[in-house]
Amino acid sequence: MSLPNINILVVDDMAAMRKITSDILKQIGFRNIYVAENGSQALQQISHHHIDLILSDWNMPIMDGLSFLKAIRSRKNMANTPFIMITAEAESDRVHDAIKNGVTDLIVKPFSRAALEKRVADALSGARRPTPKSYTAQVASDTAEDVVLSTPKPKFDKKMSILIVDDAPDNLMLLSDLLKGEYAIKAAKEGEKALSICQSDNPPDLVLLDIMMPGMNGYQVLRKMREHPTSELIPVIFVTALEQDKHQLKGFEVGALDYITKPINPELLKLRVKNLMRYVSQHKRIQFEYDVMLDAERLKKQVEQIIRHDLKGPIAGIMALTGQLLEDKHQSQAAQERNQLLDDLAGELMNMVNLSSELYKIETGSFVLKPQVVPVSDLLAKLIKIFQETFSSKFIDIRLRYKQKGSDKIQAVGDPHLSFSLFSNLLKNACEAAPEDGKVIIEINDSDFIDVTIRNTGVVPAEIRDRFWDKFTTSNKSQGTGIGTYSAKLLTEAQKGHVEMLTDDDNKTTTIIVSLPKDNVPAHP
């Protein structure tokens, strides 16, 4: 897609920032740029326009950037829309929250046009920054669930830079001589030139700014700096002959961080500059740390994908071996049944490995259902045999019933692999929840939909009923992950079906009802 045809949404509560960011994007070559003051207004824009990329500030009134990101990712049609968060700073746990909710990139203010152009291009193309080499050795010895990523140290090879702005050549020379040994020095004699340097692709790290200058004075220069993303957060020290408190107060009001009066005390100047440069260095590390956190999350996902891929080899070997065992006609009936069960389990384990990638697609809204016949009755009969073996020590009575007589070949329309995992999770959950000598009754009803009712003795604890289908909800299971019921709901809805849970405290039972479509039946309301 060519740049003029790409739709970009810029979200920022400051009008000046919206305009300047939009202007930079237009200079890059984009034409269709929409703006909003906050996340709530941005959602309204999205309802009227197709958006290919979002640039959003973090701290905004009404709806901040993180809440806006979560709202975007909850929409299936925008689960993969590139979303770049722009921020001055944020605590690491908040950044982790943004990464967890699918932020594409994080840009720390101030940023240059070149930096914005590069990250926008990467976000649109799906490109990823190279992963630091120091990750790889650590990852090799860890599992996907327990990857511990060491953080490489940033390397800032260039000298920190200072822009000195003063209309008096003698003052420029004096300040330059005092600081040039430790810092890279830039100079400007008037405000317009200073602004062009501060808003360039190579802005200074610190500005020493005179107040009394012809044309644009120091206060005006600083106000203009604070209205541009490249110069918004560059620290400024006013260096001036004006000593009155009112001038110092005005300087701090417009955004100066320090104030030094002339004639200059060289040692005092150097100490104040050094202290501010510590702040600048720390701020520079923020972008590096955010990049490391994003790369760590991407690397972890890559490791998980590799592990899923590597699991397929051993499982395929088990399937080949069980296939050979099943061809042996001399084994006993009991051995034949166990080998068949082992073959079934290996086959479904392979399906579940494949399913893990499908579940990710469902969560991100990129899953596309390719409807097939689902042999519901056969599938449930197979699962019942598996769980009768698995939970034999609990002596649970697991039974399959049919609402209509002679209907033991009931079929739905969906995805067989998704359906296997769906019913496997729900039956496993029912057997775990049922007490010893309890019951798990499965009933199939062929009506407008294929309705599967799973009823077990035992009730869902009251404190988790409202979030029964939420991710990571579990109760009284030392090894529980809390994703069984969550994935079951997603897998049902991905097949255009519906699932609900009912608890009967009087009879001490829990009932799950799964409804899957039949041929030419619309999705469940």
Protein backbone atom coordinates (compact mmCIF):
# COMPACT_ATOMS: atom_id res chain seq x y z
CA MET A 1 0.00 0.00 0.00
CA SER A 2 1.40 3.40 -0.99
CA LEU A 3 1.84 6.07 1.70
CA PRO A 4 -0.92 8.39 0.39
CA ASN A 5 -3.45 5.56 0.75
CA ILE A 6 -2.59 4.73 4.37
CA ASN A 7 -4.95 6.08 7.03
CA ILE A 8 -3.25 7.21 10.25
CA LEU A 9 -4.93 8.30 13.48
CA VAL A 10 -3.00 10.71 15.74
CA VAL A 11 -4.31 10.91 19.33
CA ASP A 12 -2.98 13.60 21.68
CA ASP A 13 -4.66 15.98 24.10
CA MET A 14 -2.37 18.86 23.06
CA ALA A 15 -3.48 20.59 19.86
CA ALA A 16 0.07 21.71 19.04
CA MET A 17 1.38 18.14 19.29
CA ARG A 18 -1.41 16.82 17.09
CA LYS A 19 -0.65 19.43 14.44
CA ILE A 20 3.11 19.01 14.49
CA THR A 21 2.95 15.19 14.46
CA SER A 22 0.48 15.37 11.58
CA ASP A 23 2.76 17.80 9.72
CA ILE A 24 5.74 15.44 10.15
CA LEU A 25 3.68 12.55 8.80
CA LYS A 26 2.65 14.66 5.80
CA GLN A 27 6.29 15.53 5.15
CA ILE A 28 7.09 11.81 5.16
CA GLY A 29 4.44 11.27 2.47
CA PHE A 30 1.22 10.33 4.26
CA ARG A 31 -1.96 12.14 3.25
CA ASN A 32 -4.89 10.62 5.15
CA ILE A 33 -4.35 11.71 8.74
CA TYR A 34 -7.13 11.85 11.33
CA VAL A 35 -6.78 13.38 14.79
CA ALA A 36 -8.43 13.00 18.21
CA GLU A 37 -7.95 14.62 21.61
CA ASN A 38 -8.27 11.40 23.67
CA GLY A 39 -9.06 7.72 23.43
CA SER A 40 -12.82 8.21 23.64
CA GLN A 41 -12.84 10.65 20.74
CA ALA A 42 -10.47 8.37 18.84
CA LEU A 43 -12.95 5.47 19.11
CA GLN A 44 -15.54 7.70 17.47
CA GLN A 45 -13.12 8.41 14.62
CA ILE A 46 -12.53 4.70 14.16
CA SER A 47 -16.26 4.08 13.84
CA HIS A 48 -16.30 6.39 10.79
CA HIS A 49 -12.94 5.64 9.17
CA HIS A 50 -10.79 2.61 8.42
CA ILE A 51 -7.48 3.12 10.26
CA ASP A 52 -4.19 1.44 9.25
CA LEU A 53 -1.95 2.87 12.02
CA ILE A 54 -2.49 4.56 15.38
CA LEU A 55 -0.10 7.00 17.07
CA SER A 56 -1.35 7.70 20.58
CA ASP A 57 -0.10 9.71 23.52
CA TRP A 58 -0.19 7.85 26.84
CA ASN A 59 -1.33 10.46 29.36
CA MET A 60 -4.64 11.97 28.25
CA PRO A 61 -7.87 12.98 30.03
CA ILE A 62 -11.19 11.07 29.68
CA MET A 63 -9.52 7.95 28.18
CA ASP A 64 -5.76 7.53 28.36
CA GLY A 65 -3.58 5.72 25.84
CA LEU A 66 -3.50 2.39 27.68
CA SER A 67 -7.29 2.24 28.03
CA PHE A 68 -7.58 3.18 24.36
CA LEU A 69 -5.14 0.39 23.43
CA LYS A 70 -7.20 -2.16 25.37
CA ALA A 71 -10.38 -0.96 23.66
CA ILE A 72 -8.72 -1.31 20.25
CA ARG A 73 -7.41 -4.82 20.93
CA SER A 74 -10.87 -5.94 22.05
CA ARG A 75 -12.14 -5.30 18.52
CA LYS A 76 -11.53 -8.31 16.30
CA ASN A 77 -11.10 -6.20 13.18
CA MET A 78 -8.37 -4.14 14.88
CA ALA A 79 -6.59 -6.80 16.93
CA ASN A 80 -3.54 -6.49 14.67
CA THR A 81 -3.70 -2.81 13.74
CA PRO A 82 -0.26 -1.27 14.39
CA PHE A 83 -0.44 0.83 17.56
CA ILE A 84 2.48 3.06 18.56
CA MET A 85 2.35 4.54 22.07
CA ILE A 86 4.08 7.87 22.65
CA THR A 87 5.12 8.78 26.17
CA ALA A 88 7.50 10.89 28.21
CA GLU A 89 8.01 8.15 30.78
CA ALA A 90 6.14 5.33 32.49
CA GLU A 91 6.73 2.79 35.21
CA SER A 92 7.96 -0.59 33.99
CA ASP A 93 4.83 -2.43 35.15
CA ARG A 94 2.67 -0.06 33.09
CA VAL A 95 4.90 -0.67 30.08
CA HIS A 96 4.53 -4.42 30.63
CA ASP A 97 0.76 -3.86 30.70
CA ALA A 98 0.94 -2.09 27.34
CA ILE A 99 3.07 -4.90 25.88
CA LYS A 100 0.69 -7.53 27.27
CA ASN A 101 -2.20 -5.73 25.58
CA GLY A 102 -0.51 -5.74 22.21
CA VAL A 103 1.24 -2.40 21.77
CA THR A 104 3.33 -2.47 18.57
CA ASP A 105 5.99 0.01 19.65
CA LEU A 106 6.76 2.64 22.28
CA ILE A 107 8.35 5.98 21.43
CA VAL A 108 9.79 8.11 24.19
CA LYS A 109 9.58 11.90 23.94
CA PRO A 110 11.44 13.79 22.67
CA PHE A 111 11.73 12.09 19.30
CA SER A 112 13.04 13.26 15.95
CA ARG A 113 11.36 13.05 12.58
CA ALA A 114 13.87 10.38 11.52
CA ALA A 115 13.06 8.24 14.59
CA LEU A 116 9.31 8.60 14.01
CA GLU A 117 9.65 7.78 10.31
CA LYS A 118 11.68 4.63 11.06
CA ARG A 119 9.29 3.29 13.69
CA VAL A 120 6.19 4.07 11.63
CA ALA A 121 7.73 2.25 8.66
CA ASP A 122 8.61 -0.75 10.88
CA ALA A 123 5.13 -0.87 12.37
CA LEU A 124 3.42 -0.79 8.98
CA SER A 125 5.70 -3.41 7.47
CA GLY A 126 5.66 -5.70 10.52
CA ALA A 127 9.46 -5.41 10.76
CA ARG A 128 11.14 -6.08 14.10
CA ARG A 129 14.28 -4.56 15.49
CA PRO A 130 17.21 -7.00 15.74
CA THR A 131 17.21 -8.87 19.03
CA PRO A 132 20.32 -8.06 21.11
CA LYS A 133 22.82 -10.94 20.94
CA SER A 134 23.06 -11.21 24.70
CA TYR A 135 19.57 -12.72 24.78
CA THR A 136 20.34 -15.87 22.84
CA ALA A 137 22.65 -17.76 25.21
CA GLN A 138 20.28 -17.24 28.11
CA VAL A 139 17.22 -18.38 26.17
CA ALA A 140 18.83 -21.63 25.03
CA SER A 141 18.71 -23.13 28.52
CA ASP A 142 15.23 -21.97 29.53
CA THR A 143 11.73 -23.18 28.78
CA ALA A 144 9.23 -20.96 27.02
CA GLU A 145 7.38 -20.39 30.29
CA ASP A 146 10.43 -19.46 32.31
CA VAL A 147 12.61 -17.48 29.91
CA VAL A 148 14.79 -15.09 31.88
CA LEU A 149 16.16 -12.39 29.65
CA SER A 150 19.26 -10.50 30.67
CA THR A 151 19.20 -6.83 29.79
CA PRO A 152 22.15 -5.69 27.68
CA LYS A 153 23.72 -2.42 28.68
CA PRO A 154 23.11 0.54 26.37
CA LYS A 155 26.05 2.05 24.58
CA PHE A 156 26.03 5.79 24.00
CA ASP A 157 29.23 6.44 22.12
CA LYS A 158 28.68 10.08 21.19
CA LYS A 159 29.48 12.98 23.48
CA MET A 160 26.47 14.62 25.07
CA SER A 161 25.70 17.82 23.18
CA ILE A 162 24.89 21.35 24.34
CA LEU A 163 23.36 24.19 22.33
CA ILE A 164 24.43 27.63 23.51
CA VAL A 165 22.11 30.45 22.42
CA ASP A 166 23.28 34.04 22.92
CA ASP A 167 23.39 37.10 20.65
CA ALA A 168 26.72 38.22 22.16
CA PRO A 169 29.75 36.52 20.47
CA ASP A 170 31.87 36.96 23.62
CA ASN A 171 29.34 35.05 25.71
CA LEU A 172 29.19 32.26 23.11
CA MET A 173 32.98 31.99 23.17
CA LEU A 174 33.19 31.99 26.98
CA LEU A 175 30.55 29.30 27.47
CA SER A 176 31.98 27.18 24.65
CA ASP A 177 35.47 27.30 26.13
CA LEU A 178 34.17 26.26 29.55
CA LEU A 179 32.25 23.20 28.25
CA LYS A 180 33.83 22.03 24.99
CA GLY A 181 36.26 19.61 26.62
CA GLU A 182 33.49 17.38 27.97
CA TYR A 183 30.59 18.07 25.61
CA ALA A 184 29.94 18.58 21.90
CA ILE A 185 29.06 22.25 21.49
CA LYS A 186 26.58 23.85 19.08
CA ALA A 187 25.96 27.58 18.93
CA ALA A 188 23.24 29.97 17.72
CA LYS A 189 23.04 33.76 17.85
CA GLU A 190 19.28 34.08 17.49
CA GLY A 191 16.07 32.27 18.40
CA GLU A 192 14.96 31.06 14.96
CA LYS A 193 18.28 29.32 14.38
CA ALA A 194 18.12 27.77 17.86
CA LEU A 195 14.65 26.37 17.15
CA SER A 196 15.72 24.86 13.83
CA ILE A 197 18.57 23.04 15.62
CA CYS A 198 16.36 21.85 18.48
CA GLN A 199 13.71 20.55 16.09
CA SER A 200 16.12 18.86 13.68
CA ASP A 201 16.92 15.15 13.42
CA ASN A 202 19.96 15.75 15.62
CA PRO A 203 18.75 17.90 18.53
CA PRO A 204 21.00 18.86 21.45
CA ASP A 205 20.79 17.16 24.82
CA LEU A 206 20.76 20.47 26.72
CA VAL A 207 20.20 24.14 25.86
CA LEU A 208 21.86 27.15 27.55
CA LEU A 209 19.52 29.98 26.57
CA ASP A 210 19.87 33.72 26.88
CA ILE A 211 16.68 35.67 27.54
CA MET A 212 17.36 39.12 26.12
CA MET A 213 17.90 38.66 22.38
CA PRO A 214 16.69 40.68 19.37
CA GLY A 215 13.78 39.25 17.41
CA MET A 216 12.65 36.18 19.37
CA ASN A 217 13.60 36.35 23.06
CA GLY A 218 14.46 33.36 25.24
CA TYR A 219 10.95 32.98 26.69
CA GLN A 220 9.45 32.79 23.19
CA VAL A 221 12.08 30.28 22.07
CA LEU A 222 11.32 28.01 25.03
CA ARG A 223 7.55 28.21 24.47
CA LYS A 224 8.07 27.13 20.84
CA MET A 225 10.36 24.31 21.98
CA ARG A 226 7.70 22.95 24.33
CA GLU A 227 5.19 22.75 21.45
CA HIS A 228 7.24 20.37 19.32
CA PRO A 229 7.79 16.61 19.94
CA THR A 230 11.49 16.80 19.10
CA SER A 231 12.25 19.64 21.53
CA GLU A 232 9.41 19.26 24.03
CA LEU A 233 11.52 17.70 26.78
CA ILE A 234 14.99 19.07 26.06
CA PRO A 235 16.18 20.58 29.37
CA VAL A 236 16.87 24.31 29.28
CA ILE A 237 19.00 26.48 31.56
CA PHE A 238 18.44 30.19 31.26
CA VAL A 239 21.74 32.11 31.32
CA THR A 240 20.98 35.82 31.68
CA ALA A 241 21.92 39.10 33.28
CA LEU A 242 18.33 39.53 34.55
CA GLU A 243 18.53 38.89 38.29
CA GLN A 244 15.08 39.83 39.57
CA ASP A 245 12.91 37.11 41.02
CA LYS A 246 10.11 37.88 38.57
CA HIS A 247 12.35 36.94 35.63
CA GLN A 248 13.40 33.71 37.28
CA LEU A 249 9.75 32.84 38.06
CA LYS A 250 8.73 33.54 34.48
CA GLY A 251 11.58 31.35 33.25
CA PHE A 252 10.40 28.42 35.36
CA GLU A 253 6.79 29.02 34.32
CA VAL A 254 7.60 28.60 30.62
CA GLY A 255 9.54 25.39 31.28
CA ALA A 256 13.17 26.12 32.22
CA LEU A 257 14.81 23.63 34.61
CA ASP A 258 17.47 25.98 35.97
CA TYR A 259 18.52 29.62 35.97
CA ILE A 260 22.07 31.04 36.04
CA THR A 261 22.83 34.76 36.24
CA LYS A 262 25.69 36.62 34.61
CA PRO A 263 28.54 37.13 35.29
CA ILE A 264 28.91 33.36 35.20
CA ASN A 265 30.56 31.35 37.95
CA PRO A 266 32.40 28.67 35.89
CA GLU A 267 32.38 25.96 38.56
CA LEU A 268 28.70 26.50 39.36
CA LEU A 269 27.82 26.33 35.67
CA LYS A 270 29.73 23.06 35.18
CA LEU A 271 28.09 21.45 38.22
CA ARG A 272 24.59 22.43 37.14
CA VAL A 273 25.19 21.21 33.60
CA LYS A 274 26.62 17.93 34.92
CA ASN A 275 23.60 17.36 37.16
CA LEU A 276 21.16 17.96 34.31
CA MET A 277 23.12 15.70 32.00
CA ARG A 278 22.57 12.87 34.46
CA TYR A 279 18.85 13.39 33.96
CA VAL A 280 19.32 13.43 30.17
CA SER A 281 21.33 10.21 30.25
CA GLN A 282 18.68 8.52 32.38
CA HIS A 283 15.96 9.67 30.01
CA LYS A 284 17.85 8.29 27.02
CA ARG A 285 17.95 4.90 28.69
CA ILE A 286 14.16 4.81 28.92
CA GLN A 287 13.75 4.29 25.16
CA PHE A 288 16.44 1.62 25.23
CA GLU A 289 14.75 -0.18 28.13
CA TYR A 290 11.34 -0.04 26.42
CA ASP A 291 12.88 -1.52 23.27
CA VAL A 292 14.47 -4.29 25.32
CA MET A 293 11.12 -5.10 26.97
CA LEU A 294 9.34 -5.24 23.61
CA ASP A 295 12.06 -7.39 22.10
CA ALA A 296 12.00 -9.71 25.11
CA GLU A 297 8.28 -10.32 24.68
CA ARG A 298 8.71 -10.96 20.95
CA LEU A 299 11.60 -13.32 21.61
CA LYS A 300 9.59 -15.26 24.18
CA LYS A 301 6.83 -15.76 21.61
CA GLN A 302 9.39 -16.96 19.09
CA VAL A 303 10.74 -19.47 21.63
CA GLU A 304 7.22 -20.75 22.29
CA GLN A 305 6.68 -21.22 18.56
CA ILE A 306 9.97 -23.12 18.27
CA ILE A 307 9.02 -25.39 21.19
CA ARG A 308 5.64 -26.12 19.60
CA HIS A 309 7.45 -26.98 16.37
CA ASP A 310 9.99 -29.20 18.13
CA LEU A 311 7.26 -31.09 20.02
CA LYS A 312 5.80 -32.33 16.77
CA GLY A 313 8.80 -34.61 16.07
CA PRO A 314 8.50 -36.79 19.21
CA ILE A 315 4.71 -36.88 18.95
CA ALA A 316 4.94 -38.00 15.33
CA GLY A 317 7.32 -40.76 16.48
CA ILE A 318 4.83 -41.94 19.11
CA MET A 319 2.06 -41.99 16.50
CA ALA A 320 4.21 -44.08 14.14
CA LEU A 321 5.02 -46.54 16.95
CA THR A 322 1.40 -46.91 18.05
CA GLY A 323 0.44 -47.42 14.43
CA GLN A 324 2.83 -50.37 14.24
CA LEU A 325 1.49 -51.81 17.52
CA LEU A 326 -2.07 -51.64 16.23
CA GLU A 327 -1.08 -53.75 13.22
CA ASP A 328 0.06 -56.57 15.52
CA LYS A 329 -2.79 -59.12 15.41
CA HIS A 330 -1.28 -61.34 18.15
CA GLN A 331 -1.80 -58.95 21.05
CA SER A 332 -4.63 -59.32 23.54
CA GLN A 333 -7.89 -57.41 23.34
CA ALA A 334 -6.90 -55.34 26.39
CA ALA A 335 -3.53 -54.45 24.84
CA GLN A 336 -5.25 -53.58 21.56
CA GLU A 337 -7.59 -51.20 23.38
CA ARG A 338 -4.74 -49.55 25.28
CA ASN A 339 -2.73 -49.10 22.10
CA GLN A 340 -5.75 -47.61 20.39
CA LEU A 341 -6.21 -45.22 23.30
CA LEU A 342 -2.51 -44.28 23.19
CA ASP A 343 -2.79 -43.68 19.44
CA ASP A 344 -5.86 -41.48 19.98
CA LEU A 345 -4.11 -39.49 22.68
CA ALA A 346 -0.98 -38.98 20.56
CA GLY A 347 -3.10 -37.82 17.64
CA GLU A 348 -5.01 -35.36 19.77
CA LEU A 349 -1.80 -34.16 21.41
CA MET A 350 -0.58 -33.29 17.93
CA ASN A 351 -3.88 -31.51 17.33
CA MET A 352 -3.48 -29.54 20.55
CA VAL A 353 0.04 -28.45 19.63
CA ASN A 354 -1.38 -27.20 16.35
CA LEU A 355 -4.32 -25.70 18.25
CA SER A 356 -2.09 -23.48 20.40
CA SER A 357 -1.32 -21.37 17.36
CA GLU A 358 -5.02 -21.31 16.42
CA LEU A 359 -5.96 -20.06 19.90
CA TYR A 360 -3.50 -17.20 19.49
CA LYS A 361 -5.15 -16.34 16.17
CA ILE A 362 -8.56 -16.36 17.85
CA GLU A 363 -7.35 -14.05 20.61
CA THR A 364 -5.87 -11.61 18.10
CA GLY A 365 -8.85 -11.74 15.75
CA SER A 366 -6.96 -13.27 12.82
CA PHE A 367 -8.59 -16.73 12.94
CA VAL A 368 -10.68 -17.68 9.90
CA LEU A 369 -13.12 -20.58 10.35
CA LYS A 370 -13.20 -23.12 7.52
CA PRO A 371 -16.42 -25.01 8.35
CA GLN A 372 -16.27 -28.81 8.36
CA VAL A 373 -18.43 -31.61 9.69
CA VAL A 374 -17.84 -32.22 13.41
CA PRO A 375 -18.86 -35.76 14.52
CA VAL A 376 -20.03 -34.63 17.96
CA SER A 377 -21.34 -38.00 19.21
CA ASP A 378 -18.22 -39.91 18.11
CA LEU A 379 -15.95 -37.24 19.54
CA LEU A 380 -17.67 -37.28 22.93
CA ALA A 381 -17.67 -41.09 23.06
CA LYS A 382 -13.90 -41.08 22.48
CA LEU A 383 -13.33 -38.44 25.17
CA ILE A 384 -15.42 -40.36 27.67
CA LYS A 385 -13.17 -43.42 27.24
CA ILE A 386 -10.10 -41.24 27.79
CA PHE A 387 -11.44 -39.59 30.95
CA GLN A 388 -12.78 -42.83 32.39
CA GLU A 389 -9.17 -44.06 32.36
CA THR A 390 -7.73 -40.75 33.55
CA PHE A 391 -10.11 -40.36 36.51
CA SER A 392 -10.56 -44.06 37.33
CA SER A 393 -9.21 -43.50 40.86
CA LYS A 394 -12.12 -41.12 41.63
CA PHE A 395 -14.74 -43.69 40.55
CA ILE A 396 -16.68 -41.02 38.67
CA ASP A 397 -19.74 -42.21 36.77
CA ILE A 398 -19.39 -40.65 33.27
CA ARG A 399 -22.34 -41.26 30.97
CA LEU A 400 -23.42 -40.14 27.49
CA ARG A 401 -27.13 -39.72 26.77
CA TYR A 402 -29.10 -38.73 23.69
CA LYS A 403 -32.20 -36.55 23.86
CA GLN A 404 -33.63 -38.27 20.79
CA LYS A 405 -33.61 -42.05 20.41
CA GLY A 406 -31.51 -43.49 17.58
CA SER A 407 -29.52 -40.30 17.19
CA ASP A 408 -26.05 -41.60 18.03
CA LYS A 409 -24.46 -40.08 14.90
CA ILE A 410 -25.04 -36.41 15.55
CA GLN A 411 -22.92 -33.93 13.62
CA ALA A 412 -22.36 -30.20 13.92
CA VAL A 413 -20.59 -27.73 11.65
CA GLY A 414 -17.35 -26.15 12.83
CA ASP A 415 -13.76 -27.28 13.23
CA PRO A 416 -13.10 -30.86 14.47
CA HIS A 417 -9.80 -29.97 16.15
CA LEU A 418 -11.26 -26.93 17.93
CA SER A 419 -14.25 -29.01 19.03
CA PHE A 420 -12.04 -31.77 20.43
CA SER A 421 -10.10 -29.26 22.54
CA LEU A 422 -13.32 -27.47 23.53
CA PHE A 423 -15.05 -30.60 24.88
CA SER A 424 -11.81 -32.02 26.28
CA ASN A 425 -11.32 -28.90 28.42
CA LEU A 426 -14.93 -28.88 29.63
CA LEU A 427 -15.05 -32.60 30.43
CA LYS A 428 -11.71 -32.45 32.20
CA ASN A 429 -12.94 -29.48 34.21
CA ALA A 430 -16.16 -31.35 35.12
CA CYS A 431 -14.28 -34.48 36.22
CA GLU A 432 -11.86 -32.44 38.31
CA ALA A 433 -14.71 -30.54 39.97
CA ALA A 434 -16.81 -33.64 40.70
CA PRO A 435 -16.21 -35.35 44.08
CA GLU A 436 -15.21 -39.00 44.39
CA ASP A 437 -18.08 -41.30 43.38
CA GLY A 438 -19.64 -38.28 41.70
CA LYS A 439 -21.34 -38.08 38.32
CA VAL A 440 -20.67 -36.40 35.00
CA ILE A 441 -23.63 -36.68 32.62
CA ILE A 442 -23.30 -35.58 28.99
CA GLU A 443 -26.48 -35.17 26.98
CA ILE A 444 -26.75 -34.38 23.25
CA ASN A 445 -29.82 -32.67 21.86
CA ASP A 446 -30.34 -32.30 18.10
CA SER A 447 -32.62 -29.27 17.74
CA ASP A 448 -32.12 -25.89 16.07
CA PHE A 449 -28.52 -26.20 17.19
CA ILE A 450 -26.50 -29.16 18.37
CA ASP A 451 -26.73 -28.66 22.13
CA VAL A 452 -24.31 -30.54 24.39
CA THR A 453 -25.12 -30.40 28.11
CA ILE A 454 -22.39 -31.38 30.59
CA ARG A 455 -23.64 -31.72 34.16
CA ASN A 456 -21.44 -32.68 37.12
CA THR A 457 -21.99 -33.01 40.83
CA GLY A 458 -20.34 -30.16 42.70
CA VAL A 459 -20.87 -26.42 42.33
CA VAL A 460 -18.66 -23.61 41.11
CA PRO A 461 -17.51 -21.52 44.12
CA ALA A 462 -19.62 -18.38 44.45
CA GLU A 463 -16.59 -16.08 44.38
CA ILE A 464 -15.57 -17.08 40.85
CA ARG A 465 -18.95 -17.52 39.14
CA ASP A 466 -19.00 -14.02 37.66
CA ARG A 467 -15.57 -14.57 36.11
CA PHE A 468 -15.90 -18.29 35.34
CA TRP A 469 -15.03 -17.74 31.66
CA ASP A 470 -12.25 -15.23 32.30
CA LYS A 471 -8.63 -16.03 31.64
CA PHE A 472 -6.60 -17.41 34.59
CA THR A 473 -9.67 -18.10 36.73
CA THR A 474 -9.20 -21.24 38.83
CA SER A 475 -10.21 -22.55 42.25
CA ASN A 476 -8.77 -25.27 44.50
CA LYS A 477 -6.49 -26.65 41.78
CA SER A 478 -2.82 -26.64 42.73
CA GLN A 479 -1.82 -27.34 39.11
CA GLY A 480 -4.63 -25.38 37.46
CA THR A 481 -3.72 -22.80 34.81
CA GLY A 482 -7.10 -21.13 34.66
CA ILE A 483 -7.31 -21.21 30.86
CA GLY A 484 -9.51 -24.30 30.36
CA THR A 485 -12.89 -22.58 30.56
CA TYR A 486 -11.49 -19.42 28.97
CA SER A 487 -10.26 -21.34 25.92
CA ALA A 488 -13.51 -23.34 25.76
CA LYS A 489 -15.50 -20.12 25.43
CA LEU A 490 -13.17 -18.77 22.73
CA LEU A 491 -13.22 -22.06 20.82
CA THR A 492 -17.02 -22.20 20.94
CA GLU A 493 -17.44 -18.63 19.73
CA ALA A 494 -14.82 -19.13 17.01
CA GLN A 495 -17.14 -21.83 15.62
CA LYS A 496 -20.12 -19.44 15.69
CA GLY A 497 -21.52 -21.17 18.76
CA HIS A 498 -22.50 -20.24 22.29
CA VAL A 499 -21.67 -21.56 25.76
CA GLU A 500 -23.16 -20.86 29.20
CA MET A 501 -22.74 -22.07 32.77
CA LEU A 502 -25.54 -22.70 35.28
CA THR A 503 -25.08 -23.54 38.97
CA ASP A 504 -27.78 -25.26 41.05
CA ASP A 505 -26.95 -24.80 44.73
CA ASP A 506 -30.01 -26.79 45.89
CA ASN A 507 -29.08 -29.92 43.93
CA LYS A 508 -25.33 -29.19 44.13
CA THR A 509 -24.70 -29.45 40.39
CA THR A 510 -22.98 -27.39 37.72
CA THR A 511 -24.21 -27.43 34.13
CA ILE A 512 -22.40 -26.30 30.99
CA ILE A 513 -24.42 -25.97 27.78
CA VAL A 514 -22.55 -25.77 24.48
CA SER A 515 -24.49 -24.93 21.32
CA LEU A 516 -22.85 -25.48 17.93
CA PRO A 517 -24.39 -24.67 14.54
CA LYS A 518 -25.78 -27.19 12.08
CA ASP A 519 -25.75 -26.88 8.29
CA ASN A 520 -27.18 -23.54 7.09
CA VAL A 521 -27.88 -22.40 10.64
CA PRO A 522 -26.95 -18.79 11.51
CA ALA A 523 -24.55 -18.02 14.34
CA HIS A 524 -25.99 -18.24 17.85
CA PRO A 525 -27.29 -14.84 19.01
